[in-house]
């Protein structure tokens, strides 16, 4: 079977369109997951503020339990903050291209 110029262009167009659709769908899923992460972040921030208020009432009996809880909240908060910064850097990089 001989590959003619028109067949080659048709195959090339299908491949390019396929990549374009794939990139678009991937971007939609990324936006969806980012929105879900920021909704979770708002919840975590509210919880963190509640924990911070409670730490003002700390005593020697409950300190160890609360210290572990605060560490877990800070870890999740920092991970989400890092993700936001990376998304911002990626947007800047894409705009520069």
N, C-alpha and C. Protein backbone atom coordinates (compact mmCIF):
# COMPACT_ATOMS: atom_id res chain seq x y z
N UNK A 1 0.85 -1.18 0.00
CA UNK A 1 0.00 0.00 0.00
C UNK A 1 0.89 1.23 0.00
N UNK A 2 0.64 2.07 -0.93
CA UNK A 2 1.42 3.28 -1.06
C UNK A 2 0.79 4.40 -0.25
N UNK A 3 1.61 5.07 0.52
CA UNK A 3 1.12 6.18 1.35
C UNK A 3 1.20 7.46 0.52
N UNK A 4 0.05 7.96 0.12
CA UNK A 4 0.03 9.17 -0.69
C UNK A 4 0.06 10.39 0.22
N UNK A 5 0.28 11.51 -0.39
CA UNK A 5 0.39 12.77 0.34
C UNK A 5 -0.91 13.09 1.08
N UNK A 6 -2.06 12.85 0.48
CA UNK A 6 -3.34 13.17 1.11
C UNK A 6 -3.62 12.23 2.29
N UNK A 7 -3.25 10.94 2.16
CA UNK A 7 -3.43 10.01 3.27
C UNK A 7 -2.53 10.40 4.44
N UNK A 8 -1.31 10.78 4.11
CA UNK A 8 -0.37 11.20 5.16
C UNK A 8 -0.89 12.41 5.91
N UNK A 9 -1.42 13.39 5.18
CA UNK A 9 -1.95 14.60 5.82
C UNK A 9 -3.18 14.28 6.67
N UNK A 10 -4.01 13.35 6.20
CA UNK A 10 -5.19 12.95 6.97
C UNK A 10 -4.76 12.27 8.28
N UNK A 11 -3.81 11.37 8.21
CA UNK A 11 -3.31 10.69 9.42
C UNK A 11 -2.67 11.70 10.36
N UNK A 12 -1.90 12.62 9.84
CA UNK A 12 -1.26 13.65 10.65
C UNK A 12 -2.30 14.53 11.34
N UNK A 13 -3.36 14.89 10.61
CA UNK A 13 -4.43 15.72 11.19
C UNK A 13 -5.14 14.98 12.31
N UNK A 14 -5.42 13.68 12.12
CA UNK A 14 -6.10 12.89 13.15
C UNK A 14 -5.23 12.81 14.41
N UNK A 15 -3.93 12.60 14.23
CA UNK A 15 -3.01 12.51 15.38
C UNK A 15 -2.96 13.85 16.12
N UNK A 16 -2.84 14.94 15.39
CA UNK A 16 -2.76 16.26 16.03
C UNK A 16 -4.07 16.59 16.77
N UNK A 17 -5.19 16.29 16.14
CA UNK A 17 -6.49 16.53 16.80
C UNK A 17 -6.61 15.67 18.05
N UNK A 18 -6.18 14.42 17.97
CA UNK A 18 -6.21 13.53 19.13
C UNK A 18 -5.39 14.07 20.29
N UNK A 19 -4.17 14.55 20.00
CA UNK A 19 -3.35 15.14 21.04
C UNK A 19 -4.01 16.39 21.63
N UNK A 20 -4.57 17.22 20.77
CA UNK A 20 -5.24 18.43 21.25
C UNK A 20 -6.41 18.12 22.18
N UNK A 21 -7.22 17.14 21.81
CA UNK A 21 -8.35 16.75 22.66
C UNK A 21 -7.85 16.17 23.98
N UNK A 22 -6.80 15.35 23.92
CA UNK A 22 -6.23 14.77 25.14
C UNK A 22 -5.70 15.82 26.10
N UNK A 23 -5.01 16.80 25.58
CA UNK A 23 -4.47 17.88 26.41
C UNK A 23 -5.60 18.70 27.02
N UNK A 24 -6.63 18.97 26.23
CA UNK A 24 -7.79 19.73 26.73
C UNK A 24 -8.48 18.99 27.87
N UNK A 25 -8.73 17.69 27.69
CA UNK A 25 -9.39 16.91 28.73
C UNK A 25 -8.53 16.80 29.99
N UNK A 26 -7.23 16.69 29.80
CA UNK A 26 -6.33 16.64 30.95
C UNK A 26 -6.37 17.95 31.72
N UNK A 27 -6.43 19.07 31.00
CA UNK A 27 -6.50 20.37 31.65
C UNK A 27 -7.81 20.52 32.42
N UNK A 28 -8.92 20.02 31.87
CA UNK A 28 -10.20 20.08 32.60
C UNK A 28 -10.12 19.29 33.90
N UNK A 29 -9.54 18.10 33.86
CA UNK A 29 -9.42 17.28 35.07
C UNK A 29 -8.50 17.95 36.09
N UNK A 30 -7.45 18.60 35.61
CA UNK A 30 -6.53 19.31 36.52
C UNK A 30 -7.26 20.44 37.23
N UNK A 31 -8.05 21.21 36.49
CA UNK A 31 -8.81 22.30 37.10
C UNK A 31 -9.80 21.76 38.13
N UNK A 32 -10.45 20.65 37.79
CA UNK A 32 -11.41 20.04 38.71
C UNK A 32 -10.73 19.59 40.00
N UNK A 33 -9.58 18.97 39.89
CA UNK A 33 -8.89 18.51 41.09
C UNK A 33 -8.34 19.68 41.91
N UNK A 34 -7.93 20.75 41.23
CA UNK A 34 -7.43 21.92 41.94
C UNK A 34 -8.56 22.59 42.73
N UNK A 35 -9.74 22.69 42.11
CA UNK A 35 -10.89 23.28 42.82
C UNK A 35 -11.26 22.44 44.04
N UNK A 36 -11.22 21.13 43.89
CA UNK A 36 -11.53 20.26 45.03
C UNK A 36 -10.50 20.43 46.14
N UNK A 37 -9.24 20.59 45.75
CA UNK A 37 -8.18 20.77 46.75
C UNK A 37 -8.38 22.08 47.51
N UNK A 38 -8.79 23.15 46.80
CA UNK A 38 -8.96 24.43 47.50
C UNK A 38 -10.21 24.43 48.38
N UNK A 39 -11.24 23.68 48.00
CA UNK A 39 -12.38 23.53 48.90
C UNK A 39 -11.95 22.82 50.17
N UNK A 40 -11.14 21.79 50.01
CA UNK A 40 -10.61 21.07 51.18
C UNK A 40 -9.71 21.98 52.00
N UNK A 41 -8.96 22.84 51.31
CA UNK A 41 -8.05 23.74 52.01
C UNK A 41 -8.83 24.72 52.90
N UNK A 42 -9.96 25.22 52.39
CA UNK A 42 -10.77 26.12 53.21
C UNK A 42 -11.24 25.42 54.48
N UNK A 43 -11.65 24.17 54.33
CA UNK A 43 -12.07 23.39 55.49
C UNK A 43 -10.89 23.21 56.45
N UNK A 44 -9.72 22.88 55.90
CA UNK A 44 -8.55 22.69 56.75
C UNK A 44 -8.14 23.98 57.45
N UNK A 45 -8.28 25.10 56.77
CA UNK A 45 -7.93 26.38 57.38
C UNK A 45 -8.87 26.70 58.53
N UNK A 46 -10.16 26.42 58.35
CA UNK A 46 -11.11 26.62 59.44
C UNK A 46 -10.76 25.75 60.64
N UNK A 47 -10.45 24.49 60.36
CA UNK A 47 -10.06 23.58 61.44
C UNK A 47 -8.78 24.05 62.13
N UNK A 48 -7.82 24.53 61.32
CA UNK A 48 -6.57 25.02 61.89
C UNK A 48 -6.83 26.20 62.81
N UNK A 49 -7.71 27.11 62.41
CA UNK A 49 -8.02 28.26 63.26
C UNK A 49 -8.69 27.82 64.56
N UNK A 50 -9.56 26.81 64.48
CA UNK A 50 -10.18 26.29 65.70
C UNK A 50 -9.13 25.68 66.62
N UNK A 51 -8.21 24.95 66.04
CA UNK A 51 -7.15 24.33 66.84
C UNK A 51 -6.28 25.41 67.47
N UNK A 52 -5.97 26.45 66.71
CA UNK A 52 -5.14 27.53 67.24
C UNK A 52 -5.82 28.20 68.43
N UNK A 53 -7.13 28.42 68.33
CA UNK A 53 -7.86 29.00 69.46
C UNK A 53 -7.81 28.07 70.67
N UNK A 54 -7.94 26.79 70.41
CA UNK A 54 -7.94 25.82 71.51
C UNK A 54 -6.57 25.75 72.19
N UNK A 55 -5.51 25.99 71.43
CA UNK A 55 -4.17 25.90 72.03
C UNK A 55 -3.96 26.97 73.09
N UNK A 56 -4.73 28.05 73.01
CA UNK A 56 -4.65 29.06 74.06
C UNK A 56 -5.14 28.53 75.40
N UNK A 57 -5.95 27.49 75.34
CA UNK A 57 -6.49 26.89 76.56
C UNK A 57 -5.74 25.62 76.96
N UNK A 58 -4.55 25.43 76.41
CA UNK A 58 -3.81 24.19 76.64
C UNK A 58 -3.35 24.08 78.09
N UNK A 59 -3.20 22.84 78.50
CA UNK A 59 -2.58 22.56 79.79
C UNK A 59 -1.69 21.33 79.61
N UNK A 60 -1.01 20.94 80.63
CA UNK A 60 -0.07 19.83 80.53
C UNK A 60 -0.77 18.51 80.20
N UNK A 61 -2.02 18.36 80.55
CA UNK A 61 -2.73 17.10 80.33
C UNK A 61 -3.09 16.86 78.87
N UNK A 62 -3.40 17.91 78.10
CA UNK A 62 -3.84 17.69 76.72
C UNK A 62 -2.83 18.16 75.67
N UNK A 63 -1.68 18.57 76.06
CA UNK A 63 -0.71 19.14 75.11
C UNK A 63 -0.23 18.14 74.06
N UNK A 64 0.12 16.92 74.44
CA UNK A 64 0.68 15.97 73.49
C UNK A 64 -0.32 15.64 72.37
N UNK A 65 -1.57 15.40 72.71
CA UNK A 65 -2.59 15.07 71.71
C UNK A 65 -2.80 16.25 70.75
N UNK A 66 -2.87 17.45 71.28
CA UNK A 66 -3.11 18.61 70.43
C UNK A 66 -1.90 18.93 69.57
N UNK A 67 -0.71 18.71 70.06
CA UNK A 67 0.49 18.98 69.28
C UNK A 67 0.53 18.11 68.03
N UNK A 68 0.16 16.83 68.16
CA UNK A 68 0.12 15.93 67.01
C UNK A 68 -0.94 16.39 66.00
N UNK A 69 -2.09 16.82 66.46
CA UNK A 69 -3.16 17.28 65.58
C UNK A 69 -2.74 18.54 64.83
N UNK A 70 -2.09 19.46 65.51
CA UNK A 70 -1.61 20.69 64.86
C UNK A 70 -0.59 20.36 63.78
N UNK A 71 0.30 19.45 64.04
CA UNK A 71 1.30 19.07 63.04
C UNK A 71 0.65 18.51 61.79
N UNK A 72 -0.36 17.68 61.95
CA UNK A 72 -1.04 17.10 60.79
C UNK A 72 -1.76 18.19 59.98
N UNK A 73 -2.40 19.12 60.65
CA UNK A 73 -3.10 20.19 59.95
C UNK A 73 -2.11 21.08 59.20
N UNK A 74 -0.99 21.39 59.82
CA UNK A 74 0.01 22.23 59.15
C UNK A 74 0.58 21.53 57.93
N UNK A 75 0.81 20.23 58.02
CA UNK A 75 1.33 19.49 56.87
C UNK A 75 0.39 19.57 55.69
N UNK A 76 -0.90 19.33 55.90
CA UNK A 76 -1.85 19.36 54.79
C UNK A 76 -2.00 20.79 54.25
N UNK A 77 -1.98 21.76 55.12
CA UNK A 77 -2.09 23.16 54.69
C UNK A 77 -0.89 23.55 53.82
N UNK A 78 0.31 23.15 54.23
CA UNK A 78 1.51 23.51 53.47
C UNK A 78 1.55 22.80 52.12
N UNK A 79 1.09 21.56 52.05
CA UNK A 79 1.07 20.84 50.77
C UNK A 79 0.14 21.55 49.79
N UNK A 80 -1.03 21.95 50.24
CA UNK A 80 -1.97 22.65 49.35
C UNK A 80 -1.43 24.02 48.94
N UNK A 81 -0.75 24.69 49.84
CA UNK A 81 -0.15 25.99 49.51
C UNK A 81 0.94 25.82 48.45
N UNK A 82 1.76 24.78 48.58
CA UNK A 82 2.80 24.50 47.60
C UNK A 82 2.18 24.22 46.23
N UNK A 83 1.08 23.48 46.20
CA UNK A 83 0.42 23.17 44.94
C UNK A 83 -0.09 24.44 44.27
N UNK A 84 -0.63 25.37 45.05
CA UNK A 84 -1.11 26.63 44.48
C UNK A 84 0.06 27.41 43.88
N UNK A 85 1.18 27.44 44.58
CA UNK A 85 2.35 28.16 44.07
C UNK A 85 2.86 27.53 42.77
N UNK A 86 2.87 26.20 42.72
CA UNK A 86 3.33 25.53 41.50
C UNK A 86 2.38 25.81 40.33
N UNK A 87 1.07 25.82 40.60
CA UNK A 87 0.11 26.15 39.55
C UNK A 87 0.33 27.57 39.03
N UNK A 88 0.61 28.49 39.94
CA UNK A 88 0.87 29.87 39.53
C UNK A 88 2.13 29.96 38.68
N UNK A 89 3.19 29.26 39.08
CA UNK A 89 4.42 29.27 38.30
C UNK A 89 4.21 28.65 36.91
N UNK A 90 3.43 27.58 36.85
CA UNK A 90 3.15 26.94 35.56
C UNK A 90 2.35 27.87 34.65
N UNK A 91 1.41 28.63 35.22
CA UNK A 91 0.64 29.59 34.40
C UNK A 91 1.56 30.67 33.84
N UNK A 92 2.48 31.16 34.68
CA UNK A 92 3.43 32.18 34.23
C UNK A 92 4.31 31.64 33.12
N UNK A 93 4.76 30.39 33.30
CA UNK A 93 5.63 29.77 32.31
C UNK A 93 4.90 29.57 30.98
N UNK A 94 3.62 29.14 31.05
CA UNK A 94 2.84 28.95 29.82
C UNK A 94 2.59 30.28 29.12
N UNK A 95 2.37 31.34 29.90
CA UNK A 95 2.10 32.65 29.31
C UNK A 95 3.35 33.17 28.60
N UNK A 96 4.53 32.79 29.09
CA UNK A 96 5.76 33.24 28.49
C UNK A 96 6.10 32.54 27.20
N UNK A 97 5.51 31.36 26.96
CA UNK A 97 5.83 30.59 25.74
C UNK A 97 5.20 31.16 24.52
